[in-house]
């Protein structure tokens, strides 16, 4: 079957979209696995984790 130039362009574009989608999905899976490993490796920093609520400071502004 003989394809016109427009049909070839459309076919190439669709192939590019499919390749791009598969690369994006592979990258997303790799990123999820990497972030899961990082979360397992790093314990939370006790100085950054808020253990209780903060306190409101009283300021005497009526002087």
C-alpha atoms as a PDB file:
ATOM      1  CA  UNK A   1       0.000   0.000   0.000  1.00  0.00           C
ATOM      2  CA  UNK A   2       1.354   3.355  -0.991  1.00  0.00           C
ATOM      3  CA  UNK A   3       1.180   6.028   1.703  1.00  0.00           C
ATOM      4  CA  UNK A   4       0.946   9.720   1.067  1.00  0.00           C
ATOM      5  CA  UNK A   5       3.283  12.168   2.718  1.00  0.00           C
ATOM      6  CA  UNK A   6       0.555  13.286   5.135  1.00  0.00           C
ATOM      7  CA  UNK A   7      -0.080   9.693   6.207  1.00  0.00           C
ATOM      8  CA  UNK A   8       3.649   9.167   6.803  1.00  0.00           C
ATOM      9  CA  UNK A   9       3.826  12.324   8.921  1.00  0.00           C
ATOM     10  CA  UNK A  10       0.823  11.197  10.971  1.00  0.00           C
ATOM     11  CA  UNK A  11       2.327   7.728  11.426  1.00  0.00           C
ATOM     12  CA  UNK A  12       5.648   9.197  12.571  1.00  0.00           C
ATOM     13  CA  UNK A  13       3.880  11.563  14.955  1.00  0.00           C
ATOM     14  CA  UNK A  14       1.850   8.736  16.475  1.00  0.00           C
ATOM     15  CA  UNK A  15       5.007   6.642  16.899  1.00  0.00           C
ATOM     16  CA  UNK A  16       6.714   9.574  18.617  1.00  0.00           C
ATOM     17  CA  UNK A  17       3.752  10.061  20.964  1.00  0.00           C
ATOM     18  CA  UNK A  18       3.756   6.361  21.873  1.00  0.00           C
ATOM     19  CA  UNK A  19       7.492   6.377  22.539  1.00  0.00           C
ATOM     20  CA  UNK A  20       7.195   9.542  24.608  1.00  0.00           C
ATOM     21  CA  UNK A  21       4.361   8.077  26.671  1.00  0.00           C
ATOM     22  CA  UNK A  22       6.242   4.864  27.377  1.00  0.00           C
ATOM     23  CA  UNK A  23       9.370   6.810  28.369  1.00  0.00           C
ATOM     24  CA  UNK A  24       7.301   9.010  30.682  1.00  0.00           C
ATOM     25  CA  UNK A  25       5.686   5.950  32.305  1.00  0.00           C
ATOM     26  CA  UNK A  26       9.082   4.263  32.774  1.00  0.00           C
ATOM     27  CA  UNK A  27      10.465   7.452  34.321  1.00  0.00           C
ATOM     28  CA  UNK A  28       7.472   7.741  36.650  1.00  0.00           C
ATOM     29  CA  UNK A  29       7.897   4.141  37.836  1.00  0.00           C
ATOM     30  CA  UNK A  30      11.623   4.679  38.376  1.00  0.00           C
ATOM     31  CA  UNK A  31      10.960   7.888  40.304  1.00  0.00           C
ATOM     32  CA  UNK A  32       8.359   6.181  42.524  1.00  0.00           C
ATOM     33  CA  UNK A  33      10.756   3.350  43.351  1.00  0.00           C
ATOM     34  CA  UNK A  34      13.563   5.795  44.086  1.00  0.00           C
ATOM     35  CA  UNK A  35      11.406   7.954  46.353  1.00  0.00           C
ATOM     36  CA  UNK A  36      10.196   4.858  48.209  1.00  0.00           C
ATOM     37  CA  UNK A  37      13.807   3.813  48.813  1.00  0.00           C
ATOM     38  CA  UNK A  38      14.707   7.298  50.004  1.00  0.00           C
ATOM     39  CA  UNK A  39      11.762   7.331  52.423  1.00  0.00           C
ATOM     40  CA  UNK A  40      12.903   3.996  53.860  1.00  0.00           C
ATOM     41  CA  UNK A  41      16.507   5.161  54.215  1.00  0.00           C
ATOM     42  CA  UNK A  42      15.911   8.512  55.909  1.00  0.00           C
ATOM     43  CA  UNK A  43      14.440   8.680  59.391  1.00  0.00           C
ATOM     44  CA  UNK A  44      12.570  11.913  60.045  1.00  0.00           C
ATOM     45  CA  UNK A  45      14.633  14.743  61.476  1.00  0.00           C
ATOM     46  CA  UNK A  46      13.490  15.280  65.088  1.00  0.00           C
ATOM     47  CA  UNK A  47      14.177  19.007  64.839  1.00  0.00           C
ATOM     48  CA  UNK A  48      11.869  19.409  61.837  1.00  0.00           C
ATOM     49  CA  UNK A  49       9.050  17.122  62.948  1.00  0.00           C
ATOM     50  CA  UNK A  50       6.466  18.993  64.960  1.00  0.00           C
ATOM     51  CA  UNK A  51       5.536  16.838  67.952  1.00  0.00           C
ATOM     52  CA  UNK A  52       3.036  19.171  69.610  1.00  0.00           C
ATOM     53  CA  UNK A  53       1.230  22.369  68.859  1.00  0.00           C
ATOM     54  CA  UNK A  54       2.969  25.708  69.032  1.00  0.00           C
ATOM     55  CA  UNK A  55       2.437  28.335  71.697  1.00  0.00           C
ATOM     56  CA  UNK A  56       1.039  31.788  71.086  1.00  0.00           C
ATOM     57  CA  UNK A  57       3.370  34.462  72.409  1.00  0.00           C
ATOM     58  CA  UNK A  58       1.826  37.306  74.361  1.00  0.00           C
ATOM     59  CA  UNK A  59       2.968  40.736  73.273  1.00  0.00           C
ATOM     60  CA  UNK A  60       2.126  43.779  75.358  1.00  0.00           C
ATOM     61  CA  UNK A  61       1.324  46.289  72.604  1.00  0.00           C
ATOM     62  CA  UNK A  62      -0.839  48.633  74.718  1.00  0.00           C
ATOM     63  CA  UNK A  63       2.032  50.673  76.227  1.00  0.00           C
END
